[in-house]
């Protein structure tokens, strides 16, 4: 009788071993190839690159083209190139005496002129102290130029503020510094004029007061 009991125990052990084996083989059911990986990346990119809503501008509207500043829409025209009809804006940049032709379906670079709140924020930026940078001038000049041509009004105000010299002594500023300052100053001034709808003289006084350049304005008169 004890021998039969031992045989039964052996059989039970064998069964449990077989169960363990089946468990081990059944574990790798989820396949890594089915997990979403690199195949889904292009779909994410497509979502990010969705076309922005096209803004409709009207005649005599002021717009900002990053590389040239404030311009005025003087015409909305059509032209046929091959078999394709193209509609475009004619934009006059008065400060540079330049007329731009911008297709309506490629107007991503254009932006409307700033709001009154944005102009007030720019004035607040002009009142702050300039940032002193220790990097080489060639590198700083490149950064300033990029900011001027970015089309972003706050970055433009920062360049004017950083390159401003509260003095009428020309020797305190290099030729390249003066050039960048004047370029940024005139770009900002033209947008102030378009938004505030006041004379260039009034805008200059407002900007110079924020920059602490009142003495310069007085001397110029």
N, C-alpha and C. Protein backbone atom coordinates (compact mmCIF):
# COMPACT_ATOMS: atom_id res chain seq x y z
N UNK A 1 0.82 -1.23 0.00
CA UNK A 1 0.00 0.00 0.00
C UNK A 1 0.86 1.28 0.00
N UNK A 2 1.87 1.39 0.79
CA UNK A 2 2.68 2.60 0.75
C UNK A 2 3.31 2.86 -0.59
N UNK A 3 3.61 1.76 -1.35
CA UNK A 3 4.20 1.93 -2.68
C UNK A 3 3.23 2.61 -3.63
N UNK A 4 1.95 2.27 -3.56
CA UNK A 4 0.95 2.88 -4.43
C UNK A 4 0.81 4.37 -4.14
N UNK A 5 0.88 4.74 -2.89
CA UNK A 5 0.79 6.16 -2.53
C UNK A 5 1.94 6.95 -3.13
N UNK A 6 3.12 6.40 -3.09
CA UNK A 6 4.28 7.07 -3.67
C UNK A 6 4.12 7.28 -5.16
N UNK A 7 3.57 6.33 -5.83
CA UNK A 7 3.34 6.44 -7.28
C UNK A 7 2.39 7.56 -7.60
N UNK A 8 1.36 7.69 -6.79
CA UNK A 8 0.39 8.78 -7.00
C UNK A 8 1.05 10.14 -6.85
N UNK A 9 1.91 10.26 -5.86
CA UNK A 9 2.61 11.53 -5.64
C UNK A 9 3.49 11.91 -6.82
N UNK A 10 4.13 10.97 -7.40
CA UNK A 10 4.99 11.20 -8.56
C UNK A 10 4.18 11.71 -9.73
N UNK A 11 3.04 11.10 -9.91
CA UNK A 11 2.16 11.53 -11.01
C UNK A 11 1.71 12.98 -10.84
N UNK A 12 1.40 13.35 -9.61
CA UNK A 12 0.97 14.72 -9.33
C UNK A 12 2.08 15.72 -9.63
N UNK A 13 3.28 15.39 -9.29
CA UNK A 13 4.43 16.25 -9.54
C UNK A 13 4.62 16.45 -11.03
N UNK A 14 4.44 15.38 -11.77
CA UNK A 14 4.58 15.46 -13.22
C UNK A 14 3.54 16.39 -13.83
N UNK A 15 2.34 16.35 -13.31
CA UNK A 15 1.25 17.20 -13.81
C UNK A 15 1.55 18.68 -13.56
N UNK A 16 2.04 18.93 -12.37
CA UNK A 16 2.35 20.34 -12.04
C UNK A 16 3.48 20.87 -12.90
N UNK A 17 4.47 20.01 -13.18
CA UNK A 17 5.56 20.41 -14.05
C UNK A 17 5.07 20.74 -15.46
N UNK A 18 4.14 19.94 -15.93
CA UNK A 18 3.59 20.18 -17.28
C UNK A 18 2.82 21.49 -17.32
N UNK A 19 2.13 21.80 -16.22
CA UNK A 19 1.39 23.06 -16.14
C UNK A 19 2.35 24.25 -16.16
N UNK A 20 3.45 24.12 -15.44
CA UNK A 20 4.45 25.19 -15.43
C UNK A 20 5.03 25.43 -16.81
N UNK A 21 5.25 24.34 -17.52
CA UNK A 21 5.80 24.47 -18.87
C UNK A 21 4.85 25.20 -19.79
N UNK A 22 3.57 24.88 -19.66
CA UNK A 22 2.59 25.56 -20.52
C UNK A 22 2.49 27.04 -20.19
N UNK A 23 2.64 27.36 -18.92
CA UNK A 23 2.60 28.76 -18.52
C UNK A 23 3.77 29.53 -19.10
N UNK A 24 4.91 28.95 -19.09
CA UNK A 24 6.11 29.60 -19.59
C UNK A 24 5.98 29.87 -21.09
N UNK A 25 5.49 28.89 -21.81
CA UNK A 25 5.34 29.05 -23.26
C UNK A 25 4.23 30.03 -23.63
N UNK A 26 3.25 30.20 -22.76
CA UNK A 26 2.12 31.09 -23.09
C UNK A 26 2.38 32.56 -22.74
N UNK A 27 3.47 32.88 -22.06
CA UNK A 27 3.75 34.26 -21.64
C UNK A 27 4.01 35.22 -22.80
N UNK A 28 4.90 34.86 -23.76
CA UNK A 28 5.20 35.85 -24.80
C UNK A 28 4.11 35.99 -25.87
N UNK A 29 2.87 36.19 -25.44
CA UNK A 29 1.79 36.39 -26.41
C UNK A 29 1.77 37.78 -27.01
N UNK A 30 1.98 38.85 -26.18
CA UNK A 30 1.96 40.17 -26.82
C UNK A 30 3.22 40.38 -27.67
N UNK A 31 3.05 40.69 -28.93
CA UNK A 31 4.18 40.86 -29.84
C UNK A 31 4.59 42.33 -29.86
N UNK A 32 5.88 42.55 -29.83
CA UNK A 32 6.41 43.91 -29.84
C UNK A 32 6.08 44.64 -31.15
N UNK A 33 5.98 43.90 -32.21
CA UNK A 33 5.69 44.51 -33.50
C UNK A 33 4.31 45.15 -33.55
N UNK A 34 3.40 44.67 -32.69
CA UNK A 34 2.06 45.25 -32.66
C UNK A 34 1.98 46.54 -31.85
N UNK A 35 3.02 46.81 -31.04
CA UNK A 35 3.03 48.03 -30.22
C UNK A 35 3.29 49.22 -31.14
N UNK A 36 2.48 50.30 -31.06
CA UNK A 36 2.69 51.46 -31.94
C UNK A 36 4.05 52.10 -31.70
N UNK A 37 4.84 52.16 -32.73
CA UNK A 37 6.19 52.69 -32.60
C UNK A 37 6.51 53.71 -33.67
N UNK A 38 7.58 53.45 -34.42
CA UNK A 38 7.99 54.45 -35.43
C UNK A 38 6.95 54.69 -36.53
N UNK A 39 6.08 53.72 -36.76
CA UNK A 39 5.07 53.86 -37.82
C UNK A 39 4.11 55.02 -37.56
N UNK A 40 3.90 55.36 -36.30
CA UNK A 40 2.93 56.40 -35.96
C UNK A 40 3.53 57.80 -35.94
N UNK A 41 4.85 57.92 -36.04
CA UNK A 41 5.50 59.23 -35.98
C UNK A 41 5.07 60.17 -37.10
N UNK A 42 5.01 59.69 -38.34
CA UNK A 42 4.56 60.60 -39.40
C UNK A 42 3.18 61.18 -39.16
N UNK A 43 2.28 60.38 -38.53
CA UNK A 43 0.94 60.87 -38.24
C UNK A 43 0.97 62.03 -37.24
N UNK A 44 1.85 61.94 -36.25
CA UNK A 44 1.99 63.00 -35.25
C UNK A 44 2.50 64.28 -35.92
N UNK A 45 3.45 64.12 -36.83
CA UNK A 45 4.00 65.28 -37.54
C UNK A 45 2.93 65.97 -38.38
N UNK A 46 2.10 65.18 -38.99
CA UNK A 46 1.03 65.74 -39.82
C UNK A 46 0.10 66.61 -38.99
N UNK A 47 -0.16 66.19 -37.76
CA UNK A 47 -1.04 66.95 -36.88
C UNK A 47 -0.41 68.29 -36.53
N UNK A 48 0.90 68.26 -36.28
CA UNK A 48 1.60 69.49 -35.91
C UNK A 48 1.68 70.46 -37.08
N UNK A 49 1.77 69.95 -38.29
CA UNK A 49 1.94 70.79 -39.46
C UNK A 49 0.61 71.14 -40.14
N UNK A 50 -0.45 71.07 -39.40
CA UNK A 50 -1.74 71.45 -39.98
C UNK A 50 -1.71 72.91 -40.40
N UNK A 51 -2.25 73.24 -41.57
CA UNK A 51 -2.23 74.64 -42.02
C UNK A 51 -3.02 75.56 -41.11
N UNK A 52 -2.44 76.71 -40.83
CA UNK A 52 -3.13 77.67 -39.97
C UNK A 52 -4.27 78.34 -40.75
N UNK A 53 -5.21 78.88 -40.03
CA UNK A 53 -6.35 79.54 -40.67
C UNK A 53 -5.86 80.75 -41.46
N UNK A 54 -6.34 80.87 -42.67
CA UNK A 54 -5.97 82.01 -43.50
C UNK A 54 -6.76 83.23 -43.05
N UNK A 55 -6.03 84.27 -42.76
CA UNK A 55 -6.68 85.51 -42.36
C UNK A 55 -7.00 86.32 -43.61
N UNK A 56 -8.15 86.91 -43.64
CA UNK A 56 -8.55 87.72 -44.79
C UNK A 56 -8.28 89.18 -44.46
N UNK A 57 -7.41 89.79 -45.26
CA UNK A 57 -7.11 91.21 -45.11
C UNK A 57 -7.85 92.00 -46.18
N UNK A 58 -8.15 93.23 -45.86
CA UNK A 58 -8.87 94.09 -46.79
C UNK A 58 -7.97 95.21 -47.29
N UNK A 59 -8.44 95.91 -48.29
CA UNK A 59 -7.70 97.06 -48.80
C UNK A 59 -7.46 98.10 -47.69
N UNK A 60 -6.30 98.69 -47.71
CA UNK A 60 -5.89 99.73 -46.76
C UNK A 60 -5.61 99.18 -45.35
N UNK A 61 -5.64 97.87 -45.19
CA UNK A 61 -5.26 97.27 -43.91
C UNK A 61 -3.74 97.34 -43.74
N UNK A 62 -3.30 97.60 -42.51
CA UNK A 62 -1.87 97.54 -42.21
C UNK A 62 -1.50 96.12 -41.79
N UNK A 63 -0.40 95.64 -42.32
CA UNK A 63 0.11 94.31 -41.96
C UNK A 63 1.61 94.42 -41.69
N UNK A 64 2.16 93.39 -41.09
CA UNK A 64 3.60 93.38 -40.81
C UNK A 64 4.23 92.20 -41.53
N UNK A 65 5.22 92.51 -42.36
CA UNK A 65 6.03 91.48 -43.02
C UNK A 65 7.38 91.47 -42.30
N UNK A 66 7.74 90.35 -41.67
CA UNK A 66 8.91 90.32 -40.78
C UNK A 66 10.17 91.00 -41.29
N UNK A 67 10.56 90.75 -42.53
CA UNK A 67 11.83 91.28 -43.03
C UNK A 67 11.78 92.74 -43.46
N UNK A 68 10.56 93.30 -43.56
CA UNK A 68 10.44 94.67 -44.05
C UNK A 68 9.63 95.59 -43.14
N UNK A 69 8.93 95.04 -42.18
CA UNK A 69 8.17 95.86 -41.25
C UNK A 69 6.74 96.11 -41.69
N UNK A 70 6.22 97.27 -41.28
CA UNK A 70 4.81 97.60 -41.52
C UNK A 70 4.58 98.01 -42.97
N UNK A 71 3.52 97.44 -43.54
CA UNK A 71 3.12 97.79 -44.89
C UNK A 71 1.61 97.96 -44.97
N UNK A 72 1.17 98.55 -46.07
CA UNK A 72 -0.26 98.79 -46.26
C UNK A 72 -0.73 98.07 -47.53
N UNK A 73 -1.84 97.35 -47.42
CA UNK A 73 -2.38 96.63 -48.58
C UNK A 73 -3.01 97.65 -49.53
N UNK A 74 -2.42 97.75 -50.71
CA UNK A 74 -2.89 98.74 -51.69
C UNK A 74 -3.76 98.10 -52.78
N UNK A 75 -3.67 96.77 -52.93
CA UNK A 75 -4.49 96.09 -53.94
C UNK A 75 -4.57 94.60 -53.65
N UNK A 76 -5.68 94.01 -54.09
CA UNK A 76 -5.84 92.55 -54.05
C UNK A 76 -6.12 92.12 -55.49
N UNK A 77 -5.15 91.46 -56.09
CA UNK A 77 -5.21 91.16 -57.52
C UNK A 77 -5.18 89.66 -57.80
N UNK A 78 -5.50 89.33 -59.06
CA UNK A 78 -5.46 87.94 -59.52
C UNK A 78 -4.53 87.83 -60.71
N UNK A 79 -3.87 86.69 -60.81
CA UNK A 79 -3.00 86.43 -61.95
C UNK A 79 -3.08 84.95 -62.30
N UNK A 80 -2.83 84.63 -63.55
CA UNK A 80 -2.87 83.24 -63.99
C UNK A 80 -1.46 82.80 -64.35
N UNK A 81 -0.96 81.82 -63.62
CA UNK A 81 0.36 81.27 -63.90
C UNK A 81 0.16 79.85 -64.41
N UNK A 82 0.39 79.66 -65.69
CA UNK A 82 0.08 78.37 -66.31
C UNK A 82 -1.42 78.18 -66.36
N UNK A 83 -1.88 77.16 -65.68
CA UNK A 83 -3.33 76.90 -65.60
C UNK A 83 -3.88 77.18 -64.20
N UNK A 84 -3.05 77.81 -63.36
CA UNK A 84 -3.46 78.05 -61.97
C UNK A 84 -3.76 79.53 -61.76
N UNK A 85 -4.92 79.81 -61.19
CA UNK A 85 -5.29 81.18 -60.82
C UNK A 85 -4.77 81.49 -59.42
N UNK A 86 -4.02 82.55 -59.30
CA UNK A 86 -3.44 82.94 -58.01
C UNK A 86 -3.94 84.33 -57.61
N UNK A 87 -4.35 84.44 -56.37
CA UNK A 87 -4.77 85.73 -55.82
C UNK A 87 -3.69 86.20 -54.85
N UNK A 88 -3.37 87.48 -54.91
CA UNK A 88 -2.27 87.97 -54.06
C UNK A 88 -2.54 89.40 -53.60
N UNK A 89 -1.78 89.76 -52.53
CA UNK A 89 -1.85 91.12 -51.99
C UNK A 89 -0.69 91.94 -52.53
N UNK A 90 -0.97 93.19 -52.82
CA UNK A 90 0.08 94.16 -53.10
C UNK A 90 0.27 95.00 -51.84
N UNK A 91 1.46 94.94 -51.27
CA UNK A 91 1.71 95.61 -49.99
C UNK A 91 2.79 96.68 -50.16
N UNK A 92 2.45 97.91 -49.81
CA UNK A 92 3.41 99.01 -49.91
C UNK A 92 4.07 99.23 -48.56
N UNK A 93 5.40 99.07 -48.54
CA UNK A 93 6.19 99.38 -47.34
C UNK A 93 6.78 100.77 -47.58
N UNK A 94 6.12 101.76 -47.01
CA UNK A 94 6.46 103.16 -47.30
C UNK A 94 7.86 103.53 -46.83
N UNK A 95 8.26 103.04 -45.66
CA UNK A 95 9.57 103.40 -45.09
C UNK A 95 10.71 102.98 -46.02
N UNK A 96 10.53 101.83 -46.70
CA UNK A 96 11.57 101.32 -47.59
C UNK A 96 11.28 101.60 -49.06
N UNK A 97 10.15 102.26 -49.32
CA UNK A 97 9.71 102.54 -50.70
C UNK A 97 9.73 101.26 -51.54
N UNK A 98 9.04 100.26 -50.99
CA UNK A 98 9.06 98.92 -51.57
C UNK A 98 7.63 98.39 -51.67
N UNK A 99 7.32 97.71 -52.79
CA UNK A 99 6.01 97.07 -52.95
C UNK A 99 6.21 95.56 -52.99
N UNK A 100 5.56 94.87 -52.07
CA UNK A 100 5.66 93.40 -51.98
C UNK A 100 4.45 92.75 -52.64
N UNK A 101 4.68 91.60 -53.25
CA UNK A 101 3.59 90.79 -53.81
C UNK A 101 3.54 89.49 -53.03
N UNK A 102 2.49 89.30 -52.25
CA UNK A 102 2.37 88.13 -51.38
C UNK A 102 1.13 87.32 -51.77
N UNK A 103 1.31 86.09 -52.28
CA UNK A 103 0.14 85.24 -52.60
C UNK A 103 -0.68 84.96 -51.34
N UNK A 104 -2.00 84.98 -51.50
CA UNK A 104 -2.89 84.79 -50.35
C UNK A 104 -2.70 83.41 -49.73
N UNK A 105 -2.40 82.41 -50.55
CA UNK A 105 -2.22 81.05 -50.01
C UNK A 105 -0.81 80.84 -49.42
N UNK A 106 0.01 81.89 -49.43
CA UNK A 106 1.35 81.81 -48.82
C UNK A 106 1.58 83.00 -47.89
N UNK A 107 0.55 83.34 -47.14
CA UNK A 107 0.60 84.53 -46.30
C UNK A 107 0.98 84.21 -44.85
N UNK A 108 1.59 83.06 -44.62
CA UNK A 108 1.92 82.66 -43.25
C UNK A 108 2.87 83.64 -42.56
N UNK A 109 3.68 84.35 -43.36
CA UNK A 109 4.64 85.29 -42.78
C UNK A 109 3.98 86.61 -42.36
N UNK A 110 2.84 86.89 -42.93
CA UNK A 110 2.15 88.14 -42.60
C UNK A 110 1.48 88.05 -41.24
N UNK A 111 1.40 89.17 -40.57
CA UNK A 111 0.61 89.24 -39.34
C UNK A 111 -0.09 90.60 -39.27
N UNK A 112 -1.21 90.69 -38.59
CA UNK A 112 -1.86 91.99 -38.43
C UNK A 112 -1.04 92.88 -37.49
N UNK A 113 -1.25 94.17 -37.56
CA UNK A 113 -0.54 95.07 -36.64
C UNK A 113 -1.00 94.80 -35.20
N UNK A 114 -0.19 95.21 -34.28
CA UNK A 114 -0.44 94.91 -32.86
C UNK A 114 -1.67 95.64 -32.32
N UNK A 115 -2.12 95.14 -31.19
CA UNK A 115 -3.25 95.79 -30.50
C UNK A 115 -2.70 96.91 -29.61
N UNK A 116 -3.59 97.72 -29.07
CA UNK A 116 -3.19 98.82 -28.18
C UNK A 116 -2.54 98.27 -26.90
N UNK A 117 -3.03 97.15 -26.40
CA UNK A 117 -2.44 96.51 -25.21
C UNK A 117 -1.00 96.07 -25.47
N UNK A 118 -0.74 95.54 -26.68
CA UNK A 118 0.62 95.12 -27.03
C UNK A 118 1.56 96.32 -27.15
N UNK A 119 1.04 97.43 -27.66
CA UNK A 119 1.85 98.65 -27.75
C UNK A 119 2.21 99.16 -26.35
N UNK A 120 1.24 99.11 -25.45
CA UNK A 120 1.49 99.53 -24.06
C UNK A 120 2.53 98.63 -23.39
N UNK A 121 2.49 97.34 -23.72
CA UNK A 121 3.48 96.41 -23.15
C UNK A 121 4.87 96.73 -23.71
N UNK A 122 4.92 97.12 -24.98
CA UNK A 122 6.19 97.51 -25.60
C UNK A 122 6.78 98.74 -24.89
N UNK A 123 5.93 99.68 -24.55
CA UNK A 123 6.38 100.88 -23.82
C UNK A 123 6.97 100.48 -22.47
N UNK A 124 6.33 99.51 -21.82
CA UNK A 124 6.85 99.00 -20.54
C UNK A 124 8.21 98.35 -20.72
N UNK A 125 8.41 97.64 -21.84
CA UNK A 125 9.70 97.01 -22.14
C UNK A 125 10.77 98.08 -22.34
N UNK A 126 10.42 99.13 -23.06
CA UNK A 126 11.37 100.23 -23.33
C UNK A 126 11.82 100.92 -22.05
N UNK A 127 10.98 100.90 -21.03
CA UNK A 127 11.30 101.56 -19.75
C UNK A 127 12.26 100.74 -18.88
N UNK A 128 12.37 99.44 -19.17
CA UNK A 128 13.24 98.58 -18.34
C UNK A 128 14.72 98.79 -18.67
N UNK A 129 15.57 98.32 -17.78
CA UNK A 129 17.01 98.48 -17.98
C UNK A 129 17.51 97.53 -19.07
N UNK A 130 18.46 97.99 -19.89
CA UNK A 130 19.01 97.11 -20.94
C UNK A 130 19.79 95.95 -20.35
N UNK A 131 19.75 94.82 -21.06
CA UNK A 131 20.51 93.64 -20.61
C UNK A 131 21.96 93.79 -21.07
N UNK A 132 22.87 93.61 -20.13
CA UNK A 132 24.30 93.70 -20.46
C UNK A 132 24.79 92.29 -20.78
N UNK A 133 25.26 92.11 -22.03
CA UNK A 133 25.76 90.81 -22.46
C UNK A 133 27.26 90.87 -22.65
N UNK A 134 27.92 89.79 -22.24
CA UNK A 134 29.38 89.74 -22.30
C UNK A 134 29.90 89.03 -23.56
N UNK A 135 29.01 88.54 -24.39
CA UNK A 135 29.44 87.80 -25.58
C UNK A 135 30.03 88.76 -26.62
N UNK A 136 30.69 88.19 -27.62
CA UNK A 136 31.31 88.98 -28.69
C UNK A 136 30.25 89.76 -29.45
N UNK A 137 30.63 90.96 -29.91
CA UNK A 137 29.67 91.82 -30.60
C UNK A 137 29.12 91.16 -31.87
N UNK A 138 29.96 90.45 -32.62
CA UNK A 138 29.51 89.82 -33.87
C UNK A 138 28.37 88.85 -33.61
N UNK A 139 28.47 88.12 -32.51
CA UNK A 139 27.41 87.17 -32.15
C UNK A 139 26.15 87.90 -31.69
N UNK A 140 26.33 88.94 -30.90
CA UNK A 140 25.18 89.73 -30.41
C UNK A 140 24.48 90.42 -31.57
N UNK A 141 25.28 90.94 -32.51
CA UNK A 141 24.71 91.63 -33.67
C UNK A 141 23.84 90.69 -34.49
N UNK A 142 24.29 89.45 -34.61
CA UNK A 142 23.51 88.44 -35.34
C UNK A 142 22.18 88.15 -34.63
N UNK A 143 22.24 88.06 -33.31
CA UNK A 143 21.03 87.81 -32.51
C UNK A 143 20.05 88.98 -32.62
N UNK A 144 20.57 90.20 -32.56
CA UNK A 144 19.72 91.39 -32.69
C UNK A 144 19.05 91.43 -34.06
N UNK A 145 19.83 91.12 -35.10
CA UNK A 145 19.31 91.16 -36.46
C UNK A 145 18.18 90.12 -36.63
N UNK A 146 18.36 88.94 -36.04
CA UNK A 146 17.32 87.90 -36.10
C UNK A 146 16.05 88.36 -35.39
N UNK A 147 16.21 89.04 -34.27
CA UNK A 147 15.06 89.55 -33.53
C UNK A 147 14.32 90.63 -34.32
N UNK A 148 15.09 91.51 -34.97
CA UNK A 148 14.48 92.57 -35.77
C UNK A 148 13.64 91.99 -36.90
N UNK A 149 14.16 90.94 -37.54
CA UNK A 149 13.48 90.34 -38.69
C UNK A 149 12.53 89.21 -38.31
N UNK A 150 12.31 89.01 -37.01
CA UNK A 150 11.40 87.95 -36.56
C UNK A 150 9.93 88.32 -36.78
N UNK A 151 9.67 89.62 -36.81
CA UNK A 151 8.29 90.08 -36.95
C UNK A 151 7.54 90.14 -35.63
N UNK A 152 8.24 89.82 -34.53
CA UNK A 152 7.62 89.83 -33.20
C UNK A 152 7.90 91.18 -32.53
N UNK A 153 6.84 91.87 -32.20
CA UNK A 153 6.99 93.24 -31.71
C UNK A 153 7.71 93.33 -30.36
N UNK A 154 7.52 92.33 -29.49
CA UNK A 154 8.19 92.36 -28.19
C UNK A 154 9.71 92.20 -28.35
N UNK A 155 10.12 91.35 -29.28
CA UNK A 155 11.55 91.16 -29.53
C UNK A 155 12.16 92.42 -30.14
N UNK A 156 11.38 93.09 -30.97
CA UNK A 156 11.82 94.34 -31.57
C UNK A 156 12.02 95.40 -30.48
N UNK A 157 11.08 95.48 -29.55
CA UNK A 157 11.19 96.43 -28.43
C UNK A 157 12.41 96.12 -27.56
N UNK A 158 12.73 94.85 -27.39
CA UNK A 158 13.90 94.45 -26.58
C UNK A 158 15.20 94.91 -27.23
N UNK A 159 15.28 94.82 -28.56
CA UNK A 159 16.48 95.28 -29.28
C UNK A 159 16.65 96.79 -29.12
N UNK A 160 15.56 97.53 -29.28
CA UNK A 160 15.61 98.99 -29.11
C UNK A 160 16.07 99.35 -27.70
N UNK A 161 15.51 98.65 -26.72
CA UNK A 161 15.86 98.91 -25.31
C UNK A 161 17.32 98.56 -25.02
N UNK A 162 17.80 97.41 -25.53
CA UNK A 162 19.17 96.96 -25.24
C UNK A 162 20.23 97.80 -25.94
N UNK A 163 19.91 98.32 -27.14
CA UNK A 163 20.89 99.11 -27.89
C UNK A 163 20.75 100.62 -27.66
N UNK A 164 19.80 101.00 -26.84
CA UNK A 164 19.58 102.42 -26.56
C UNK A 164 20.72 102.99 -25.70
N UNK A 165 21.16 104.18 -26.08
CA UNK A 165 22.16 104.91 -25.29
C UNK A 165 21.53 106.23 -24.86
N UNK A 166 21.43 106.43 -23.56
CA UNK A 166 20.81 107.66 -23.03
C UNK A 166 21.79 108.83 -23.05
N UNK A 167 22.36 109.04 -24.22
CA UNK A 167 23.33 110.13 -24.37
C UNK A 167 23.38 110.59 -25.82
N UNK A 168 23.81 111.80 -26.05
CA UNK A 168 23.93 112.30 -27.43
C UNK A 168 25.37 112.21 -27.93
N UNK A 169 26.23 111.57 -27.16
CA UNK A 169 27.63 111.41 -27.58
C UNK A 169 27.73 110.21 -28.52
N UNK A 170 28.04 110.47 -29.77
CA UNK A 170 28.08 109.42 -30.80
C UNK A 170 29.18 108.40 -30.52
N UNK A 171 30.27 108.86 -29.90
CA UNK A 171 31.42 107.97 -29.65
C UNK A 171 31.07 106.80 -28.74
N UNK A 172 29.99 106.94 -27.96
CA UNK A 172 29.60 105.87 -27.04
C UNK A 172 29.00 104.66 -27.75
N UNK A 173 28.75 104.78 -29.04
CA UNK A 173 28.12 103.70 -29.78
C UNK A 173 28.85 103.50 -31.11
N UNK A 174 29.12 102.23 -31.44
CA UNK A 174 29.81 101.94 -32.70
C UNK A 174 28.86 102.14 -33.88
N UNK A 175 29.43 102.17 -35.07
CA UNK A 175 28.62 102.40 -36.28
C UNK A 175 27.60 101.27 -36.47
N UNK A 176 28.03 100.03 -36.30
CA UNK A 176 27.13 98.87 -36.48
C UNK A 176 26.02 98.85 -35.43
N UNK A 177 26.37 99.28 -34.20
CA UNK A 177 25.35 99.38 -33.13
C UNK A 177 24.30 100.41 -33.48
N UNK A 178 24.76 101.58 -33.97
CA UNK A 178 23.82 102.65 -34.35
C UNK A 178 22.91 102.20 -35.48
N UNK A 179 23.48 101.47 -36.44
CA UNK A 179 22.70 100.98 -37.58
C UNK A 179 21.58 100.05 -37.13
N UNK A 180 21.92 99.10 -36.26
CA UNK A 180 20.93 98.14 -35.76
C UNK A 180 19.88 98.83 -34.90
N UNK A 181 20.35 99.78 -34.07
CA UNK A 181 19.41 100.52 -33.22
C UNK A 181 18.41 101.30 -34.07
N UNK A 182 18.92 102.03 -35.06
CA UNK A 182 18.05 102.84 -35.92
C UNK A 182 17.06 101.98 -36.71
N UNK A 183 17.54 100.82 -37.18
CA UNK A 183 16.67 99.90 -37.93
C UNK A 183 15.52 99.41 -37.04
N UNK A 184 15.87 98.97 -35.83
CA UNK A 184 14.85 98.48 -34.88
C UNK A 184 13.93 99.61 -34.43
N UNK A 185 14.51 100.77 -34.17
CA UNK A 185 13.75 101.95 -33.71
C UNK A 185 12.70 102.36 -34.75
N UNK A 186 13.11 102.43 -36.01
CA UNK A 186 12.20 102.85 -37.09
C UNK A 186 11.11 101.82 -37.33
N UNK A 187 11.45 100.52 -37.22
CA UNK A 187 10.45 99.46 -37.38
C UNK A 187 9.38 99.56 -36.30
N UNK A 188 9.84 99.75 -35.06
CA UNK A 188 8.91 99.86 -33.93
C UNK A 188 8.08 101.13 -34.04
N UNK A 189 8.73 102.19 -34.42
CA UNK A 189 8.06 103.50 -34.55
C UNK A 189 6.95 103.44 -35.60
N UNK A 190 7.20 102.77 -36.73
CA UNK A 190 6.20 102.69 -37.80
C UNK A 190 4.97 101.90 -37.35
N UNK A 191 5.19 100.88 -36.50
CA UNK A 191 4.04 100.12 -36.00
C UNK A 191 3.28 100.92 -34.95
N UNK A 192 4.00 101.67 -34.14
CA UNK A 192 3.35 102.57 -33.17
C UNK A 192 2.44 103.57 -33.91
N UNK A 193 2.97 104.12 -35.00
CA UNK A 193 2.21 105.11 -35.79
C UNK A 193 0.93 104.50 -36.35
N UNK A 194 1.03 103.26 -36.88
CA UNK A 194 -0.13 102.60 -37.48
C UNK A 194 -1.20 102.27 -36.45
N UNK A 195 -0.76 101.88 -35.25
CA UNK A 195 -1.71 101.49 -34.19
C UNK A 195 -2.30 102.71 -33.49
N UNK A 196 -1.43 103.64 -33.10
CA UNK A 196 -1.89 104.82 -32.35
C UNK A 196 -2.53 105.89 -33.23
N UNK A 197 -2.25 105.82 -34.54
CA UNK A 197 -2.82 106.76 -35.51
C UNK A 197 -2.51 108.22 -35.15
N UNK A 198 -1.25 108.42 -34.79
CA UNK A 198 -0.78 109.77 -34.46
C UNK A 198 0.40 110.12 -35.36
N UNK A 199 0.85 111.34 -35.29
CA UNK A 199 1.94 111.82 -36.15
C UNK A 199 3.27 111.16 -35.73
N UNK A 200 4.21 111.07 -36.67
CA UNK A 200 5.54 110.51 -36.34
C UNK A 200 6.23 111.25 -35.20
N UNK A 201 6.01 112.55 -35.12
CA UNK A 201 6.63 113.38 -34.06
C UNK A 201 6.12 112.99 -32.68
N UNK A 202 4.80 112.79 -32.59
CA UNK A 202 4.19 112.40 -31.31
C UNK A 202 4.67 111.01 -30.87
N UNK A 203 4.75 110.12 -31.84
CA UNK A 203 5.22 108.75 -31.54
C UNK A 203 6.67 108.77 -31.07
N UNK A 204 7.50 109.57 -31.74
CA UNK A 204 8.91 109.67 -31.35
C UNK A 204 9.05 110.19 -29.93
N UNK A 205 8.26 111.19 -29.58
CA UNK A 205 8.31 111.74 -28.21
C UNK A 205 7.92 110.67 -27.18
N UNK A 206 6.90 109.89 -27.54
CA UNK A 206 6.42 108.84 -26.63
C UNK A 206 7.49 107.76 -26.42
N UNK A 207 8.13 107.37 -27.50
CA UNK A 207 9.17 106.34 -27.42
C UNK A 207 10.41 106.85 -26.70
N UNK A 208 10.82 108.08 -27.05
CA UNK A 208 12.03 108.65 -26.43
C UNK A 208 11.85 108.88 -24.93
N UNK A 209 10.63 109.22 -24.55
CA UNK A 209 10.35 109.41 -23.12
C UNK A 209 10.48 108.08 -22.37
N UNK A 210 9.97 107.01 -22.97
CA UNK A 210 10.08 105.67 -22.35
C UNK A 210 11.53 105.21 -22.28
N UNK A 211 12.32 105.60 -23.29
CA UNK A 211 13.74 105.20 -23.33
C UNK A 211 14.65 106.14 -22.53
N UNK A 212 14.08 107.24 -22.05
CA UNK A 212 14.89 108.22 -21.32
C UNK A 212 15.76 109.04 -22.24
N UNK A 213 15.31 109.24 -23.49
CA UNK A 213 16.08 109.98 -24.49
C UNK A 213 15.52 111.40 -24.68
N UNK A 214 14.87 111.94 -23.69
CA UNK A 214 14.24 113.27 -23.80
C UNK A 214 15.28 114.35 -24.10
N UNK A 215 16.47 114.21 -23.50
CA UNK A 215 17.52 115.21 -23.73
C UNK A 215 17.97 115.20 -25.19
N UNK A 216 17.99 114.02 -25.79
CA UNK A 216 18.41 113.88 -27.19
C UNK A 216 17.41 114.58 -28.10
N UNK A 217 16.10 114.35 -27.79
CA UNK A 217 15.04 114.96 -28.59
C UNK A 217 15.11 116.49 -28.50
N UNK A 218 15.39 116.99 -27.29
CA UNK A 218 15.47 118.43 -27.08
C UNK A 218 16.62 119.05 -27.85
N UNK A 219 17.77 118.29 -27.86
CA UNK A 219 18.94 118.79 -28.55
C UNK A 219 18.74 118.79 -30.06
N UNK A 220 17.96 117.77 -30.53
CA UNK A 220 17.71 117.65 -31.98
C UNK A 220 16.86 118.82 -32.46
N UNK A 221 15.94 119.30 -31.61
CA UNK A 221 15.09 120.42 -31.97
C UNK A 221 15.90 121.72 -31.98
